[in-house]
């Protein structure tokens, strides 16, 4: 979902999940803060790492979780 502040794009957080989300200070999206106030490691990470590097590419990815053990 895009981080645009629209109610229909709001994720169904638990109270604990909402609290954890609010502790993050990203440099993009509706909850962005100035880069000097961020606690996001993205500006200083090179390469950015998984899954962020995959999400910022020009294609889509799907992460599946199953009970099967490989």
PDB file of N, CA and C in Angstrom:
ATOM      1  N   UNK A   1       0.826  -1.181   0.000  1.00  0.00           N
ATOM      2  CA  UNK A   1       0.000   0.000   0.000  1.00  0.00           C
ATOM      3  C   UNK A   1       0.876   1.252   0.000  1.00  0.00           C
ATOM      4  N   UNK A   2       0.460   2.266  -0.707  1.00  0.00           N
ATOM      5  CA  UNK A   2       1.227   3.502  -0.684  1.00  0.00           C
ATOM      6  C   UNK A   2       1.125   4.207   0.660  1.00  0.00           C
ATOM      7  N   UNK A   3       2.158   4.906   1.003  1.00  0.00           N
ATOM      8  CA  UNK A   3       2.155   5.703   2.238  1.00  0.00           C
ATOM      9  C   UNK A   3       1.671   7.104   1.886  1.00  0.00           C
ATOM     10  N   UNK A   4       0.340   7.234   1.760  1.00  0.00           N
ATOM     11  CA  UNK A   4      -0.214   8.508   1.338  1.00  0.00           C
ATOM     12  C   UNK A   4      -1.228   9.086   2.315  1.00  0.00           C
ATOM     13  N   UNK A   5      -1.463   8.427   3.437  1.00  0.00           N
ATOM     14  CA  UNK A   5      -2.360   8.946   4.460  1.00  0.00           C
ATOM     15  C   UNK A   5      -3.835   8.698   4.207  1.00  0.00           C
ATOM     16  N   UNK A   6      -4.194   8.055   3.109  1.00  0.00           N
ATOM     17  CA  UNK A   6      -5.598   7.778   2.823  1.00  0.00           C
ATOM     18  C   UNK A   6      -6.079   6.629   3.715  1.00  0.00           C
ATOM     19  N   UNK A   7      -7.268   6.764   4.311  1.00  0.00           N
ATOM     20  CA  UNK A   7      -7.773   5.716   5.218  1.00  0.00           C
ATOM     21  C   UNK A   7      -7.856   4.336   4.568  1.00  0.00           C
ATOM     22  N   UNK A   8      -8.187   4.277   3.278  1.00  0.00           N
ATOM     23  CA  UNK A   8      -8.293   2.972   2.619  1.00  0.00           C
ATOM     24  C   UNK A   8      -6.945   2.290   2.416  1.00  0.00           C
ATOM     25  N   UNK A   9      -5.849   3.021   2.592  1.00  0.00           N
ATOM     26  CA  UNK A   9      -4.516   2.439   2.477  1.00  0.00           C
ATOM     27  C   UNK A   9      -3.881   2.158   3.835  1.00  0.00           C
ATOM     28  N   UNK A  10      -4.609   2.403   4.898  1.00  0.00           N
ATOM     29  CA  UNK A  10      -4.102   2.180   6.259  1.00  0.00           C
ATOM     30  C   UNK A  10      -4.002   0.682   6.525  1.00  0.00           C
ATOM     31  N   UNK A  11      -2.892   0.250   7.035  1.00  0.00           N
ATOM     32  CA  UNK A  11      -2.702  -1.164   7.353  1.00  0.00           C
ATOM     33  C   UNK A  11      -3.382  -1.506   8.676  1.00  0.00           C
ATOM     34  N   UNK A  12      -3.851  -2.746   8.832  1.00  0.00           N
ATOM     35  CA  UNK A  12      -4.572  -3.144  10.052  1.00  0.00           C
ATOM     36  C   UNK A  12      -3.610  -3.472  11.197  1.00  0.00           C
ATOM     37  N   UNK A  13      -3.074  -2.456  11.832  1.00  0.00           N
ATOM     38  CA  UNK A  13      -2.114  -2.648  12.913  1.00  0.00           C
ATOM     39  C   UNK A  13      -2.798  -3.098  14.206  1.00  0.00           C
ATOM     40  N   UNK A  14      -2.091  -3.908  14.964  1.00  0.00           N
ATOM     41  CA  UNK A  14      -2.479  -4.150  16.351  1.00  0.00           C
ATOM     42  C   UNK A  14      -1.998  -2.933  17.138  1.00  0.00           C
ATOM     43  N   UNK A  15      -2.444  -2.737  18.373  1.00  0.00           N
ATOM     44  CA  UNK A  15      -1.929  -1.600  19.152  1.00  0.00           C
ATOM     45  C   UNK A  15      -0.401  -1.621  19.275  1.00  0.00           C
ATOM     46  N   UNK A  16       0.165  -2.801  19.469  1.00  0.00           N
ATOM     47  CA  UNK A  16       1.629  -2.895  19.579  1.00  0.00           C
ATOM     48  C   UNK A  16       2.299  -2.585  18.245  1.00  0.00           C
ATOM     49  N   UNK A  17       1.682  -3.040  17.155  1.00  0.00           N
ATOM     50  CA  UNK A  17       2.223  -2.762  15.823  1.00  0.00           C
ATOM     51  C   UNK A  17       2.175  -1.284  15.500  1.00  0.00           C
ATOM     52  N   UNK A  18       1.081  -0.634  15.843  1.00  0.00           N
ATOM     53  CA  UNK A  18       0.951   0.815  15.622  1.00  0.00           C
ATOM     54  C   UNK A  18       2.017   1.568  16.419  1.00  0.00           C
ATOM     55  N   UNK A  19       2.243   1.154  17.666  1.00  0.00           N
ATOM     56  CA  UNK A  19       3.257   1.799  18.505  1.00  0.00           C
ATOM     57  C   UNK A  19       4.650   1.623  17.902  1.00  0.00           C
ATOM     58  N   UNK A  20       4.957   0.421  17.426  1.00  0.00           N
ATOM     59  CA  UNK A  20       6.259   0.182  16.792  1.00  0.00           C
ATOM     60  C   UNK A  20       6.396   1.008  15.516  1.00  0.00           C
ATOM     61  N   UNK A  21       5.331   1.057  14.710  1.00  0.00           N
ATOM     62  CA  UNK A  21       5.357   1.838  13.471  1.00  0.00           C
ATOM     63  C   UNK A  21       5.640   3.308  13.752  1.00  0.00           C
ATOM     64  N   UNK A  22       5.026   3.838  14.785  1.00  0.00           N
ATOM     65  CA  UNK A  22       5.183   5.254  15.097  1.00  0.00           C
ATOM     66  C   UNK A  22       6.579   5.594  15.628  1.00  0.00           C
ATOM     67  N   UNK A  23       7.360   4.605  16.066  1.00  0.00           N
ATOM     68  CA  UNK A  23       8.727   4.873  16.510  1.00  0.00           C
ATOM     69  C   UNK A  23       9.685   5.029  15.325  1.00  0.00           C
ATOM     70  N   UNK A  24       9.255   4.585  14.140  1.00  0.00           N
ATOM     71  CA  UNK A  24      10.089   4.686  12.947  1.00  0.00           C
ATOM     72  C   UNK A  24       9.938   6.077  12.356  1.00  0.00           C
ATOM     73  N   UNK A  25      11.029   6.658  11.949  1.00  0.00           N
ATOM     74  CA  UNK A  25      11.032   8.007  11.390  1.00  0.00           C
ATOM     75  C   UNK A  25      11.652   7.961   9.992  1.00  0.00           C
ATOM     76  N   UNK A  26      10.823   7.627   8.985  1.00  0.00           N
ATOM     77  CA  UNK A  26      11.349   7.474   7.622  1.00  0.00           C
ATOM     78  C   UNK A  26      11.609   8.815   6.935  1.00  0.00           C
ATOM     79  N   UNK A  27      12.376   8.758   5.850  1.00  0.00           N
ATOM     80  CA  UNK A  27      12.656   9.960   5.063  1.00  0.00           C
ATOM     81  C   UNK A  27      11.767  10.032   3.826  1.00  0.00           C
ATOM     82  N   UNK A  28      10.701   9.234   3.782  1.00  0.00           N
ATOM     83  CA  UNK A  28       9.773   9.233   2.661  1.00  0.00           C
ATOM     84  C   UNK A  28       8.376   8.873   3.173  1.00  0.00           C
ATOM     85  N   UNK A  29       7.352   9.167   2.392  1.00  0.00           N
ATOM     86  CA  UNK A  29       5.979   8.800   2.746  1.00  0.00           C
ATOM     87  C   UNK A  29       5.289   9.843   3.611  1.00  0.00           C
ATOM     88  N   UNK A  30       4.072   9.523   4.008  1.00  0.00           N
ATOM     89  CA  UNK A  30       3.232  10.460   4.755  1.00  0.00           C
ATOM     90  C   UNK A  30       3.789  10.761   6.148  1.00  0.00           C
ATOM     91  N   UNK A  31       4.558   9.842   6.723  1.00  0.00           N
ATOM     92  CA  UNK A  31       5.121  10.041   8.065  1.00  0.00           C
ATOM     93  C   UNK A  31       6.583  10.479   8.016  1.00  0.00           C
ATOM     94  N   UNK A  32       7.021  11.009   6.878  1.00  0.00           N
ATOM     95  CA  UNK A  32       8.430  11.380   6.727  1.00  0.00           C
ATOM     96  C   UNK A  32       8.829  12.520   7.652  1.00  0.00           C
ATOM     97  N   UNK A  33      10.078  12.504   8.008  1.00  0.00           N
ATOM     98  CA  UNK A  33      10.685  13.572   8.806  1.00  0.00           C
ATOM     99  C   UNK A  33      11.904  14.077   8.041  1.00  0.00           C
ATOM    100  N   UNK A  34      12.429  15.241   8.381  1.00  0.00           N
ATOM    101  CA  UNK A  34      13.656  15.710   7.731  1.00  0.00           C
ATOM    102  C   UNK A  34      14.794  14.702   7.951  1.00  0.00           C
ATOM    103  N   UNK A  35      15.682  14.610   6.991  1.00  0.00           N
ATOM    104  CA  UNK A  35      16.747  13.605   7.056  1.00  0.00           C
ATOM    105  C   UNK A  35      17.614  13.747   8.304  1.00  0.00           C
ATOM    106  N   UNK A  36      17.723  14.927   8.859  1.00  0.00           N
ATOM    107  CA  UNK A  36      18.514  15.111  10.076  1.00  0.00           C
ATOM    108  C   UNK A  36      17.848  14.472  11.300  1.00  0.00           C
ATOM    109  N   UNK A  37      16.533  14.200  11.227  1.00  0.00           N
ATOM    110  CA  UNK A  37      15.796  13.649  12.364  1.00  0.00           C
ATOM    111  C   UNK A  37      15.447  12.176  12.192  1.00  0.00           C
ATOM    112  N   UNK A  38      15.843  11.565  11.078  1.00  0.00           N
ATOM    113  CA  UNK A  38      15.460  10.186  10.803  1.00  0.00           C
ATOM    114  C   UNK A  38      16.231   9.186  11.665  1.00  0.00           C
ATOM    115  N   UNK A  39      15.603   8.045  11.916  1.00  0.00           N
ATOM    116  CA  UNK A  39      16.315   6.921  12.522  1.00  0.00           C
ATOM    117  C   UNK A  39      16.364   5.767  11.526  1.00  0.00           C
ATOM    118  N   UNK A  40      16.135   6.082  10.250  1.00  0.00           N
ATOM    119  CA  UNK A  40      16.158   5.108   9.166  1.00  0.00           C
ATOM    120  C   UNK A  40      17.592   4.964   8.662  1.00  0.00           C
ATOM    121  N   UNK A  41      18.116   3.747   8.601  1.00  0.00           N
ATOM    122  CA  UNK A  41      19.495   3.570   8.147  1.00  0.00           C
ATOM    123  C   UNK A  41      19.680   3.706   6.639  1.00  0.00           C
ATOM    124  N   UNK A  42      18.604   3.841   5.872  1.00  0.00           N
ATOM    125  CA  UNK A  42      18.708   3.869   4.419  1.00  0.00           C
ATOM    126  C   UNK A  42      19.678   4.915   3.873  1.00  0.00           C
ATOM    127  N   UNK A  43      19.651   6.163   4.330  1.00  0.00           N
ATOM    128  CA  UNK A  43      20.564   7.141   3.731  1.00  0.00           C
ATOM    129  C   UNK A  43      22.052   6.779   3.872  1.00  0.00           C
ATOM    130  N   UNK A  44      22.421   6.021   4.887  1.00  0.00           N
ATOM    131  CA  UNK A  44      23.827   5.683   5.080  1.00  0.00           C
ATOM    132  C   UNK A  44      24.212   4.291   4.653  1.00  0.00           C
ATOM    133  N   UNK A  45      23.250   3.490   4.185  1.00  0.00           N
ATOM    134  CA  UNK A  45      23.533   2.103   3.798  1.00  0.00           C
ATOM    135  C   UNK A  45      23.779   2.003   2.300  1.00  0.00           C
ATOM    136  N   UNK A  46      24.872   1.374   1.938  1.00  0.00           N
ATOM    137  CA  UNK A  46      25.175   1.146   0.536  1.00  0.00           C
ATOM    138  C   UNK A  46      25.899  -0.175   0.409  1.00  0.00           C
ATOM    139  N   UNK A  47      25.277  -1.223  -0.100  1.00  0.00           N
ATOM    140  CA  UNK A  47      23.934  -1.289  -0.636  1.00  0.00           C
ATOM    141  C   UNK A  47      22.884  -1.309   0.473  1.00  0.00           C
ATOM    142  N   UNK A  48      21.639  -1.082   0.094  1.00  0.00           N
ATOM    143  CA  UNK A  48      20.571  -0.964   1.071  1.00  0.00           C
ATOM    144  C   UNK A  48      20.195  -2.287   1.720  1.00  0.00           C
ATOM    145  N   UNK A  49      20.326  -3.391   1.028  1.00  0.00           N
ATOM    146  CA  UNK A  49      20.001  -4.693   1.593  1.00  0.00           C
ATOM    147  C   UNK A  49      18.574  -5.135   1.302  1.00  0.00           C
ATOM    148  N   UNK A  50      18.325  -6.401   1.587  1.00  0.00           N
ATOM    149  CA  UNK A  50      17.005  -6.992   1.354  1.00  0.00           C
ATOM    150  C   UNK A  50      16.100  -6.690   2.528  1.00  0.00           C
ATOM    151  N   UNK A  51      14.814  -6.422   2.373  1.00  0.00           N
ATOM    152  CA  UNK A  51      14.048  -6.383   1.136  1.00  0.00           C
ATOM    153  C   UNK A  51      13.978  -5.007   0.497  1.00  0.00           C
ATOM    154  N   UNK A  52      14.562  -4.008   1.122  1.00  0.00           N
ATOM    155  CA  UNK A  52      14.413  -2.639   0.609  1.00  0.00           C
ATOM    156  C   UNK A  52      14.970  -2.487  -0.800  1.00  0.00           C
ATOM    157  N   UNK A  53      16.093  -3.081  -1.100  1.00  0.00           N
ATOM    158  CA  UNK A  53      16.664  -2.924  -2.437  1.00  0.00           C
ATOM    159  C   UNK A  53      15.748  -3.529  -3.489  1.00  0.00           C
ATOM    160  N   UNK A  54      15.037  -4.590  -3.132  1.00  0.00           N
ATOM    161  CA  UNK A  54      14.098  -5.217  -4.057  1.00  0.00           C
ATOM    162  C   UNK A  54      12.880  -4.324  -4.247  1.00  0.00           C
ATOM    163  N   UNK A  55      12.405  -3.717  -3.170  1.00  0.00           N
ATOM    164  CA  UNK A  55      11.201  -2.896  -3.239  1.00  0.00           C
ATOM    165  C   UNK A  55      11.408  -1.600  -4.009  1.00  0.00           C
ATOM    166  N   UNK A  56      12.633  -1.116  -4.090  1.00  0.00           N
ATOM    167  CA  UNK A  56      12.903   0.140  -4.789  1.00  0.00           C
ATOM    168  C   UNK A  56      13.294  -0.055  -6.244  1.00  0.00           C
ATOM    169  N   UNK A  57      13.306  -1.298  -6.718  1.00  0.00           N
ATOM    170  CA  UNK A  57      13.594  -1.552  -8.130  1.00  0.00           C
ATOM    171  C   UNK A  57      12.326  -1.368  -8.955  1.00  0.00           C
ATOM    172  N   UNK A  58      12.453  -1.394 -10.258  1.00  0.00           N
ATOM    173  CA  UNK A  58      11.328  -1.112 -11.146  1.00  0.00           C
ATOM    174  C   UNK A  58      10.468  -2.341 -11.446  1.00  0.00           C
ATOM    175  N   UNK A  59      10.526  -3.354 -10.623  1.00  0.00           N
ATOM    176  CA  UNK A  59       9.677  -4.529 -10.808  1.00  0.00           C
ATOM    177  C   UNK A  59       9.059  -4.913  -9.468  1.00  0.00           C
ATOM    178  N   UNK A  60       8.131  -5.839  -9.504  1.00  0.00           N
ATOM    179  CA  UNK A  60       7.446  -6.234  -8.265  1.00  0.00           C
ATOM    180  C   UNK A  60       8.008  -7.541  -7.735  1.00  0.00           C
ATOM    181  N   UNK A  61       7.882  -7.714  -6.459  1.00  0.00           N
ATOM    182  CA  UNK A  61       8.297  -8.935  -5.778  1.00  0.00           C
ATOM    183  C   UNK A  61       7.147  -9.400  -4.900  1.00  0.00           C
ATOM    184  N   UNK A  62       7.064 -10.688  -4.679  1.00  0.00           N
ATOM    185  CA  UNK A  62       6.068 -11.238  -3.779  1.00  0.00           C
ATOM    186  C   UNK A  62       6.790 -12.148  -2.801  1.00  0.00           C
ATOM    187  N   UNK A  63       6.583 -11.922  -1.522  1.00  0.00           N
ATOM    188  CA  UNK A  63       7.198 -12.752  -0.485  1.00  0.00           C
ATOM    189  C   UNK A  63       6.103 -13.644   0.073  1.00  0.00           C
ATOM    190  N   UNK A  64       6.317 -14.955  -0.017  1.00  0.00           N
ATOM    191  CA  UNK A  64       5.339 -15.922   0.459  1.00  0.00           C
ATOM    192  C   UNK A  64       5.884 -16.622   1.689  1.00  0.00           C
ATOM    193  N   UNK A  65       5.007 -16.897   2.609  1.00  0.00           N
ATOM    194  CA  UNK A  65       5.372 -17.640   3.802  1.00  0.00           C
ATOM    195  C   UNK A  65       4.466 -18.862   3.879  1.00  0.00           C
ATOM    196  N   UNK A  66       5.056 -20.032   4.083  1.00  0.00           N
ATOM    197  CA  UNK A  66       4.257 -21.250   4.191  1.00  0.00           C
ATOM    198  C   UNK A  66       4.758 -22.087   5.341  1.00  0.00           C
ATOM    199  N   UNK A  67       3.967 -23.063   5.716  1.00  0.00           N
ATOM    200  CA  UNK A  67       4.330 -23.953   6.818  1.00  0.00           C
ATOM    201  C   UNK A  67       5.328 -25.020   6.381  1.00  0.00           C
ATOM    202  N   UNK A  68       5.503 -25.196   5.067  1.00  0.00           N
ATOM    203  CA  UNK A  68       6.413 -26.214   4.547  1.00  0.00           C
ATOM    204  C   UNK A  68       7.854 -25.894   4.914  1.00  0.00           C
ATOM    205  N   UNK A  69       8.596 -26.913   5.273  1.00  0.00           N
ATOM    206  CA  UNK A  69      10.036 -26.739   5.558  1.00  0.00           C
ATOM    207  C   UNK A  69      10.828 -27.239   4.373  1.00  0.00           C
ATOM    208  N   UNK A  70      11.777 -26.468   3.936  1.00  0.00           N
ATOM    209  CA  UNK A  70      12.574 -26.835   2.770  1.00  0.00           C
ATOM    210  C   UNK A  70      13.874 -27.407   3.154  1.00  0.00           C
TER     211      UNK A  70
END
